Protein backbone atom coordinates (compact mmCIF):
# COMPACT_ATOMS: atom_id res chain seq x y z
CA UNK A 1 99.97 130.74 130.73
CA UNK A 2 101.36 134.26 130.99
CA UNK A 3 99.75 136.78 128.72
CA UNK A 4 103.01 138.34 127.46
CA UNK A 5 100.74 140.98 126.00
CA UNK A 6 100.99 144.73 125.48
CA UNK A 7 97.73 146.56 124.81
CA UNK A 8 97.79 149.86 122.91
CA UNK A 9 94.70 152.08 122.70
CA UNK A 10 94.73 154.82 120.06
CA UNK A 11 92.36 157.49 121.36
CA UNK A 12 90.88 160.74 120.12
CA UNK A 13 88.10 162.55 121.98
CA UNK A 14 86.62 159.31 123.34
CA UNK A 15 87.09 159.71 127.08
CA UNK A 16 83.68 158.36 128.09
CA UNK A 17 84.28 155.22 126.03
CA UNK A 18 87.59 154.60 127.79
CA UNK A 19 85.56 154.18 131.00
CA UNK A 20 84.08 151.02 129.46
CA UNK A 21 87.11 149.74 127.57
CA UNK A 22 89.89 149.96 130.15
CA UNK A 23 88.08 148.05 132.96
CA UNK A 24 87.36 145.23 130.48
CA UNK A 25 91.07 144.75 129.67
CA UNK A 26 92.81 145.85 132.88
CA UNK A 27 93.59 142.24 133.87
CA UNK A 28 94.10 140.83 130.38
CA UNK A 29 97.55 142.16 129.52
CA UNK A 30 100.93 142.92 131.04
CA UNK A 31 100.74 146.62 130.16
CA UNK A 32 98.22 149.09 128.80
CA UNK A 33 99.34 152.15 126.87
CA UNK A 34 96.94 154.90 125.80
CA UNK A 35 98.10 157.07 122.92
CA UNK A 36 96.01 160.22 123.10
CA UNK A 37 95.92 162.15 119.83
CA UNK A 38 95.63 165.59 121.42
CA UNK A 39 92.02 165.08 122.50
CA UNK A 40 89.97 168.14 123.39
CA UNK A 41 87.71 166.31 125.83
CA UNK A 42 88.65 164.76 129.19
CA UNK A 43 90.29 161.68 127.64
CA UNK A 44 93.69 162.37 129.18
CA UNK A 45 92.34 162.84 132.69
CA UNK A 46 90.08 159.80 132.43
CA UNK A 47 92.87 157.55 131.14
CA UNK A 48 95.22 158.77 133.88
CA UNK A 49 92.64 157.90 136.54
CA UNK A 50 93.29 154.18 136.00
CA UNK A 51 96.19 152.58 137.84
CA UNK A 52 98.93 150.83 135.88
CA UNK A 53 97.94 152.54 132.64
CA UNK A 54 100.58 154.54 130.78
CA UNK A 55 99.18 157.59 129.01
CA UNK A 56 101.10 159.36 126.26
CA UNK A 57 99.57 162.65 125.16
CA UNK A 58 100.62 163.75 121.68
CA UNK A 59 100.83 167.48 120.87
CA UNK A 60 98.71 167.00 117.74
CA UNK A 61 96.43 164.43 116.12
CA UNK A 62 98.67 161.95 114.30
CA UNK A 63 95.79 159.70 113.27
CA UNK A 64 95.30 155.99 113.88
CA UNK A 65 98.25 154.62 111.89
CA UNK A 66 101.00 156.77 113.38
CA UNK A 67 99.37 156.67 116.81
CA UNK A 68 99.53 152.87 116.70
CA UNK A 69 103.15 152.96 115.53
CA UNK A 70 104.13 155.22 118.42
CA UNK A 71 102.34 152.95 120.86
CA UNK A 72 104.09 149.85 119.56
CA UNK A 73 107.47 151.53 120.08
CA UNK A 74 106.73 151.75 123.80
CA UNK A 75 106.01 148.01 124.11
CA UNK A 76 108.27 145.01 124.49
CA UNK A 77 105.97 141.97 124.79
CA UNK A 78 105.61 139.04 122.42
CA UNK A 79 102.07 139.99 121.45
CA UNK A 80 100.61 143.44 120.83
CA UNK A 81 96.93 144.39 120.74
CA UNK A 82 95.94 147.61 118.96
CA UNK A 83 92.49 148.85 119.95
CA UNK A 84 90.05 151.61 119.14
CA UNK A 85 88.55 153.34 122.20
CA UNK A 86 85.02 152.40 121.12
CA UNK A 87 85.56 148.72 121.96
CA UNK A 88 85.40 146.49 125.01
CA UNK A 89 86.09 142.80 125.54
CA UNK A 90 84.80 139.74 127.37
CA UNK A 91 86.99 138.17 130.08
CA UNK A 92 89.75 135.98 128.67
CA UNK A 93 89.36 137.41 125.16
CA UNK A 94 93.05 137.92 124.51
CA UNK A 95 94.16 134.70 126.18
CA UNK A 96 91.90 132.73 123.83
CA UNK A 97 93.55 134.42 120.86
CA UNK A 98 97.06 133.94 122.22
CA UNK A 99 96.36 130.22 122.77
CA UNK A 100 95.80 129.86 119.02
CA UNK A 101 98.93 131.83 118.16
CA UNK A 102 101.04 129.78 120.57
CA UNK A 103 99.91 126.60 118.80
CA UNK A 104 100.53 127.95 115.30
CA UNK A 105 103.58 130.16 114.89
CA UNK A 106 102.63 131.03 111.30
CA UNK A 107 99.73 133.21 112.54
CA UNK A 108 100.79 136.86 112.58
CA UNK A 109 97.42 138.50 113.30
CA UNK A 110 94.20 137.34 114.92
CA UNK A 111 90.79 138.59 115.96
CA UNK A 112 87.77 137.27 117.78
CA UNK A 113 84.09 137.71 116.98
CA UNK A 114 83.44 141.44 117.20
CA UNK A 115 79.80 142.37 117.78
CA UNK A 116 78.14 145.75 118.06
CA UNK A 117 77.24 147.07 121.48
CA UNK A 118 73.79 145.45 121.19
CA UNK A 119 75.60 142.07 121.49
CA UNK A 120 73.52 140.71 118.61
CA UNK A 121 74.79 142.38 115.44
CA UNK A 122 78.09 141.37 113.86
CA UNK A 123 80.65 144.09 113.31
CA UNK A 124 83.40 141.86 111.89
CA UNK A 125 84.61 138.28 111.89
CA UNK A 126 87.71 139.15 109.91
CA UNK A 127 88.37 140.95 106.66
CA UNK A 128 88.22 139.47 103.18
CA UNK A 129 89.40 140.93 99.89
CA UNK A 130 86.85 141.95 97.30
CA UNK A 131 87.55 141.73 93.56
CA UNK A 132 87.99 145.51 93.66
CA UNK A 133 90.84 145.11 96.20
CA UNK A 134 88.79 146.67 98.98
CA UNK A 135 88.24 145.07 102.40
CA UNK A 136 84.97 143.35 103.30
CA UNK A 137 84.21 142.97 106.99
CA UNK A 138 82.68 139.50 107.00
CA UNK A 139 79.23 139.41 108.57
CA UNK A 140 79.01 143.21 108.86
CA UNK A 141 75.50 144.20 109.98
CA UNK A 142 74.22 140.61 110.16
CA UNK A 143 72.53 139.12 113.22
CA UNK A 144 74.92 136.72 114.91
CA UNK A 145 73.72 133.11 114.57
CA UNK A 146 77.11 131.49 114.98
CA UNK A 147 77.35 131.26 111.19
CA UNK A 148 81.07 131.99 110.95
CA UNK A 149 83.46 129.33 112.19
CA UNK A 150 87.02 129.78 113.39
CA UNK A 151 89.61 129.76 110.64
CA UNK A 152 91.89 131.73 108.38
CA UNK A 153 90.86 135.15 107.04
CA UNK A 154 92.58 137.62 104.73
CA UNK A 155 93.23 140.33 107.34
CA UNK A 156 91.71 141.77 110.50
CA UNK A 157 89.95 144.97 111.48
CA UNK A 158 92.26 147.50 113.15
CA UNK A 159 89.69 148.36 115.81
CA UNK A 160 90.41 145.13 117.70
CA UNK A 161 93.63 143.64 116.35
CA UNK A 162 96.15 141.30 118.00
CA UNK A 163 99.56 140.88 116.37
CA UNK A 164 102.66 138.80 116.87
CA UNK A 165 105.59 141.17 117.40
CA UNK A 166 107.87 139.06 115.20
CA UNK A 167 105.44 139.46 112.30
CA UNK A 168 105.17 143.23 112.76
CA UNK A 169 108.95 143.62 112.89
CA UNK A 170 109.29 141.60 109.71
CA UNK A 171 106.99 143.83 107.63
CA UNK A 172 107.99 147.15 109.18
CA UNK A 173 109.39 149.61 106.63
CA UNK A 174 110.38 153.26 106.48
CA UNK A 175 106.76 154.28 107.17
CA UNK A 176 106.38 152.08 110.24
CA UNK A 177 104.36 149.00 111.11
CA UNK A 178 101.16 150.61 109.93
CA UNK A 179 101.87 152.96 107.04
CA UNK A 180 101.96 156.39 108.72
CA UNK A 181 100.96 158.09 105.45
CA UNK A 182 97.43 156.68 105.75
CA UNK A 183 96.32 158.61 108.87
CA UNK A 184 93.08 156.55 108.85
CA UNK A 185 91.17 154.19 106.50
CA UNK A 186 92.77 151.20 104.70
CA UNK A 187 95.76 151.12 107.09
CA UNK A 188 94.65 147.83 108.68
CA UNK A 189 93.90 146.22 105.31
CA UNK A 190 97.28 147.34 103.98
CA UNK A 191 99.11 145.87 106.98
CA UNK A 192 97.16 142.63 106.72
CA UNK A 193 97.97 142.36 103.01
CA UNK A 194 101.67 142.98 103.68
CA UNK A 195 101.66 140.30 106.37
CA UNK A 196 100.04 137.86 103.96
CA UNK A 197 102.54 138.69 101.24
CA UNK A 198 105.30 137.89 103.75
CA UNK A 199 103.86 134.47 104.51
CA UNK A 200 101.98 135.24 107.75
CA UNK A 201 98.41 134.05 108.30
CA UNK A 202 95.51 136.01 109.77
CA UNK A 203 93.04 134.08 111.92
CA UNK A 204 89.55 134.35 113.41
CA UNK A 205 88.41 132.64 116.65
CA UNK A 206 84.66 132.50 117.08
CA UNK A 207 84.44 131.98 120.87
CA UNK A 208 86.47 135.09 121.78
CA UNK A 209 83.97 137.95 122.04
CA UNK A 210 84.64 141.65 121.66
CA UNK A 211 82.32 144.59 121.07
CA UNK A 212 82.68 147.63 118.81
CA UNK A 213 80.51 150.73 118.64
CA UNK A 214 82.13 151.65 115.27
CA UNK A 215 82.75 155.31 114.66
CA UNK A 216 83.76 156.14 118.22
CA UNK A 217 80.36 157.68 118.82
CA UNK A 218 81.15 160.45 116.35
CA UNK A 219 78.46 161.05 113.78
CA UNK A 220 80.88 161.97 111.00
CA UNK A 221 82.76 158.68 111.32
CA UNK A 222 79.55 156.78 110.59
CA UNK A 223 78.62 158.73 107.47
CA UNK A 224 78.57 156.92 104.12
CA UNK A 225 81.19 157.99 101.59
CA UNK A 226 78.71 160.22 99.74
CA UNK A 227 78.19 162.44 102.78
CA UNK A 228 81.81 162.64 103.93
CA UNK A 229 83.70 165.95 103.70
CA UNK A 230 85.94 166.45 100.69
CA UNK A 231 89.24 166.08 102.55
CA UNK A 232 88.18 162.70 103.93
CA UNK A 233 86.96 161.41 100.57
CA UNK A 234 90.30 162.43 99.04
CA UNK A 235 92.24 160.61 101.75
CA UNK A 236 90.22 157.42 101.28
CA UNK A 237 90.75 157.48 97.49
CA UNK A 238 94.48 158.09 97.91
CA UNK A 239 94.77 155.30 100.47
CA UNK A 240 92.87 152.89 98.21
CA UNK A 241 95.17 153.48 95.27
CA UNK A 242 98.27 153.39 97.47
CA UNK A 243 97.24 150.05 98.96
CA UNK A 244 96.89 148.53 95.49
CA UNK A 245 100.20 149.95 94.25
CA UNK A 246 102.01 148.60 97.31
CA UNK A 247 100.54 145.12 97.43
CA UNK A 248 98.91 143.98 94.19
CA UNK A 249 100.83 141.79 91.75
CA UNK A 250 100.95 142.58 88.01
CA UNK A 251 98.84 139.49 87.23
CA UNK A 252 96.40 140.35 90.01
CA UNK A 253 96.08 143.90 88.75
CA UNK A 254 95.40 142.60 85.23
CA UNK A 255 92.67 140.22 86.37
CA UNK A 256 91.04 142.65 88.78
CA UNK A 257 91.45 145.83 86.75
CA UNK A 258 87.79 146.11 85.62
CA UNK A 259 86.62 145.95 89.24
CA UNK A 260 89.32 148.33 90.48
CA UNK A 261 88.50 150.78 87.68
CA UNK A 262 84.78 150.64 88.43
CA UNK A 263 85.36 151.29 92.13
CA UNK A 264 87.79 154.13 91.37
CA UNK A 265 85.43 155.80 88.91
CA UNK A 266 82.57 155.60 91.40
CA UNK A 267 84.67 157.17 94.16
CA UNK A 268 85.92 159.96 91.90
CA UNK A 269 82.38 160.58 90.63
CA UNK A 270 81.14 160.94 94.20
CA UNK A 271 83.92 163.45 94.78
CA UNK A 272 81.96 165.85 92.54
CA UNK A 273 79.43 166.21 95.38
CA UNK A 274 82.16 168.07 97.29
CA UNK A 275 84.29 169.86 94.65
CA UNK A 276 86.86 170.90 97.25
CA UNK A 277 87.77 167.24 97.40
CA UNK A 278 89.66 167.48 94.10
CA UNK A 279 92.01 170.06 95.60
CA UNK A 280 92.57 167.79 98.58
CA UNK A 281 93.08 164.76 96.33
CA UNK A 282 95.75 166.61 94.37
CA UNK A 283 97.58 167.43 97.60
CA UNK A 284 97.22 163.87 98.89
CA UNK A 285 98.68 162.41 95.71
CA UNK A 286 101.62 164.83 95.81
CA UNK A 287 102.55 163.46 99.22
CA UNK A 288 103.02 159.91 97.92
CA UNK A 289 104.40 160.46 94.40
């Protein structure tokens, strides 16, 4: 079966990781496109060193969401994979996922079992929705014992996501496939929620194996919320509220309000540890009001 697959990598300063990712997928898709968000390392040169890889270097860092949107615009295949540079995949990974999607045309997004680079610890087996309307990466940090079986999930992690083009086109709006206002954080959960609201299913296949370093090797990306800089905390809070406003129903908001309020209050309280975050939050909210 032909792959009919476009693979888009959204990269920023992760050149050394591309050396591991690209060889693992070079024979798994019809085309590979690297969107480089104005990296300051040797990412561009490294990506260009691979044959049959299209590299698009952006003049500035547009973030994950808009980088993915730009990459999708350059594709024309039935299925589109959006990847972080800090991933790599076992042989046949994408074909296993496409086999499921070919059998069930109601599946709009799918992922395999994503482990950490140690090949033992689970990174994600799909996202689920907490009562606070935040995403939970199922199995995150657990040792893999085969405890999660293939089946439907709420949404999928954007680090290793495979989508049906038809589904993406259906939910695309003025801000793109992924909401370009997000830059990073919550953009995958928002897209998954929009797909679900439009009647598309998200799926997990346990015997397709991928691997994710998480954080792209950058220390800041791995920091807990408490230790993040103010501008990043503000962006996460804004994205959280925006996701709820876009996707939650009035009845859902009523039932979940105590949990949403508790999560919001905690995040705002933690913003006091970096007072500059309130200035950033004010600016972030102005952009979406």
